[in-house]
Amino acid sequence: MFRSVLFIQYAVILAISFVSGVVCFQIFSLDKSMKLIEYIDPRVLDLTDISIWNTILPLAAWVVLVLFFATHPFLHVLAKFIVAVKITFFGFSSVFLLTQQESLITYSVWWFPFQLIYCFLLFILCSVNSTKKIGTTRKNLFSQKLFVTIIITLTIICVGEIFAISYIL
């Protein structure tokens, strides 16, 4: 029961945040949109000069930020908010890519599938730390197995993304 409620919660956050990104793109002017995209993930603007670090660093920044808030005893609620911000940028950049004439293949092969998987994995990363009531006290439990599994999965997906950018596009 708890897992299905959590899945519904994550699906609602995903849908609302993605649509919010679409709405934000409609509100911003194109030059301001490009500045924001260049600041957060410049690969969206130009896929020709991408190094491995341009792929790893934005992902690592999101992971570290989510992990920081997910493991903090008082700020763990903000971890889902950080993922929602990531999904909003995902929607924002998706509209940018779809409005470009020649980038439909880029969007369907690279941007959409990889960013969607990253967002799901970041949601799972939010639950790496949990509290358990033992007697009269609460104890924070860090799930090392889940953390290692998520990191390995993120690494595999990141390698797949680098391959897609380098050889498919």
Protein backbone atom coordinates (compact mmCIF):
# COMPACT_ATOMS: atom_id res chain seq x y z
CA MET A 1 0.00 0.00 0.00
CA PHE A 2 2.75 2.46 0.95
CA ARG A 3 4.69 1.82 -2.26
CA SER A 4 1.66 2.45 -4.47
CA VAL A 5 0.95 5.74 -2.65
CA LEU A 6 4.59 6.72 -3.09
CA PHE A 7 4.42 5.86 -6.79
CA ILE A 8 1.30 8.00 -7.21
CA GLN A 9 2.98 10.85 -5.34
CA TYR A 10 6.04 10.67 -7.58
CA ALA A 11 3.89 10.47 -10.72
CA VAL A 12 1.93 13.58 -9.69
CA ILE A 13 5.14 15.46 -8.91
CA LEU A 14 6.55 14.38 -12.29
CA ALA A 15 3.48 15.48 -14.23
CA ILE A 16 3.01 18.82 -12.46
CA SER A 17 6.71 19.69 -12.62
CA PHE A 18 7.03 18.78 -16.30
CA VAL A 19 3.98 20.87 -17.20
CA SER A 20 5.36 23.71 -15.06
CA GLY A 21 8.53 23.61 -17.14
CA VAL A 22 6.47 23.82 -20.32
CA VAL A 23 4.54 26.81 -18.95
CA CYS A 24 7.76 28.51 -17.82
CA PHE A 25 9.19 28.15 -21.31
CA GLN A 26 6.11 29.86 -22.74
CA ILE A 27 6.50 32.74 -20.27
CA PHE A 28 10.23 33.33 -20.87
CA SER A 29 11.60 34.97 -23.98
CA LEU A 30 13.82 32.82 -26.19
CA ASP A 31 17.06 34.61 -25.27
CA LYS A 32 16.34 34.30 -21.54
CA SER A 33 15.45 30.65 -22.04
CA MET A 34 18.73 30.02 -23.80
CA LYS A 35 20.66 31.75 -20.99
CA LEU A 36 18.94 29.59 -18.38
CA ILE A 37 19.57 26.42 -20.37
CA GLU A 38 23.21 27.40 -20.91
CA TYR A 39 23.61 27.92 -17.17
CA ILE A 40 22.05 24.60 -16.09
CA ASP A 41 22.88 22.19 -18.93
CA PRO A 42 24.59 23.69 -22.01
CA ARG A 43 24.48 20.37 -23.89
CA VAL A 44 20.89 21.15 -24.86
CA LEU A 45 22.02 24.14 -26.89
CA ASP A 46 24.94 22.55 -28.71
CA LEU A 47 25.65 18.84 -29.04
CA THR A 48 28.77 19.26 -31.16
CA ASP A 49 31.33 20.15 -28.46
CA ILE A 50 30.42 17.83 -25.62
CA SER A 51 33.03 16.26 -23.42
CA ILE A 52 32.46 13.46 -20.96
CA TRP A 53 32.60 16.00 -18.13
CA ASN A 54 29.73 17.98 -19.66
CA THR A 55 27.60 14.89 -19.17
CA ILE A 56 28.89 13.77 -15.79
CA LEU A 57 29.04 17.11 -13.94
CA PRO A 58 25.37 18.17 -14.27
CA LEU A 59 24.23 14.70 -13.25
CA ALA A 60 26.67 14.57 -10.33
CA ALA A 61 25.50 17.99 -9.15
CA TRP A 62 21.86 16.86 -9.08
CA VAL A 63 22.79 13.61 -7.31
CA VAL A 64 24.88 15.38 -4.65
CA LEU A 65 22.17 17.96 -4.05
CA VAL A 66 19.41 15.35 -3.72
CA LEU A 67 21.60 13.14 -1.56
CA PHE A 68 22.47 16.04 0.73
CA PHE A 69 18.83 16.85 1.37
CA ALA A 70 17.70 13.21 1.49
CA THR A 71 20.19 12.36 4.23
CA HIS A 72 19.70 15.52 6.27
CA PRO A 73 17.51 14.78 9.30
CA PHE A 74 15.49 18.01 9.10
CA LEU A 75 15.60 18.94 5.40
CA HIS A 76 14.75 15.57 3.84
CA VAL A 77 11.47 16.96 2.49
CA LEU A 78 13.44 19.31 0.22
CA ALA A 79 14.98 16.35 -1.64
CA LYS A 80 11.71 15.79 -3.52
CA PHE A 81 11.55 19.52 -4.19
CA ILE A 82 15.03 19.39 -5.77
CA VAL A 83 13.89 16.52 -8.00
CA ALA A 84 10.81 18.57 -8.91
CA VAL A 85 13.09 21.44 -9.95
CA LYS A 86 15.09 18.99 -12.10
CA ILE A 87 11.87 17.78 -13.73
CA THR A 88 10.78 21.38 -14.34
CA PHE A 89 14.06 21.98 -16.15
CA PHE A 90 13.46 18.72 -18.04
CA GLY A 91 10.10 20.04 -19.27
CA PHE A 92 11.57 23.47 -19.99
CA SER A 93 14.39 22.04 -22.09
CA SER A 94 12.09 19.55 -23.77
CA VAL A 95 9.97 22.36 -25.19
CA PHE A 96 13.11 24.17 -26.30
CA LEU A 97 14.34 21.09 -28.15
CA LEU A 98 10.95 20.43 -29.72
CA THR A 99 10.68 24.00 -30.98
CA GLN A 100 13.97 23.65 -32.83
CA GLN A 101 13.41 22.36 -36.35
CA GLU A 102 16.12 19.71 -36.60
CA SER A 103 16.15 18.43 -33.03
CA LEU A 104 13.27 15.92 -32.94
CA ILE A 105 15.72 13.03 -33.27
CA THR A 106 17.90 14.57 -30.58
CA TYR A 107 14.89 14.83 -28.30
CA SER A 108 13.58 11.31 -28.90
CA VAL A 109 16.92 9.47 -28.86
CA TRP A 110 18.85 11.42 -26.27
CA TRP A 111 17.07 13.98 -24.14
CA PHE A 112 13.69 12.48 -23.24
CA PRO A 113 14.60 8.88 -22.36
CA PHE A 114 17.76 9.64 -20.42
CA GLN A 115 16.36 12.59 -18.47
CA LEU A 116 13.22 10.64 -17.59
CA ILE A 117 15.28 7.75 -16.23
CA TYR A 118 17.47 10.17 -14.27
CA CYS A 119 14.38 11.75 -12.72
CA PHE A 120 13.04 8.35 -11.63
CA LEU A 121 16.41 7.41 -10.15
CA LEU A 122 16.62 10.72 -8.30
CA PHE A 123 13.20 10.01 -6.81
CA ILE A 124 14.44 6.63 -5.64
CA LEU A 125 17.53 8.34 -4.22
CA CYS A 126 15.18 10.44 -2.06
CA SER A 127 14.27 7.30 -0.12
CA VAL A 128 17.83 6.12 0.57
CA ASN A 129 17.58 7.46 4.12
CA SER A 130 14.66 6.55 6.37
CA THR A 131 13.76 6.91 9.99
CA LYS A 132 12.70 4.01 12.14
CA LYS A 133 11.20 4.22 15.57
CA ILE A 134 13.07 2.01 18.02
CA GLY A 135 11.49 2.19 21.44
CA THR A 136 10.98 5.83 22.28
CA THR A 137 13.66 7.20 19.97
CA ARG A 138 13.87 7.58 16.22
CA LYS A 139 16.92 6.32 14.39
CA ASN A 140 18.05 7.33 10.91
CA LEU A 141 18.84 4.37 8.70
CA PHE A 142 20.91 4.76 5.55
CA SER A 143 20.27 1.99 3.02
CA GLN A 144 23.72 1.25 1.62
CA LYS A 145 22.41 -1.45 -0.72
CA LEU A 146 19.91 0.91 -2.32
CA PHE A 147 22.51 3.67 -2.55
CA VAL A 148 25.06 1.42 -4.28
CA THR A 149 22.39 0.08 -6.64
CA ILE A 150 21.32 3.60 -7.60
CA ILE A 151 24.90 4.77 -8.15
CA ILE A 152 25.67 1.74 -10.34
CA THR A 153 22.47 2.28 -12.32
CA LEU A 154 23.22 5.99 -12.73
CA THR A 155 26.72 5.12 -13.95
CA ILE A 156 25.40 2.64 -16.51
CA ILE A 157 22.77 5.11 -17.75
CA CYS A 158 25.38 7.89 -17.91
CA VAL A 159 27.66 5.67 -20.02
CA GLY A 160 24.68 4.93 -22.27
CA GLU A 161 23.98 8.64 -22.58
CA ILE A 162 27.60 9.36 -23.52
CA PHE A 163 27.40 6.59 -26.11
CA ALA A 164 24.14 8.00 -27.50
CA ILE A 165 25.58 11.51 -27.76
CA SER A 166 28.88 10.35 -29.27
CA TYR A 167 27.83 7.67 -31.71
CA ILE A 168 24.11 7.95 -32.44
CA LEU A 169 23.77 11.72 -32.73
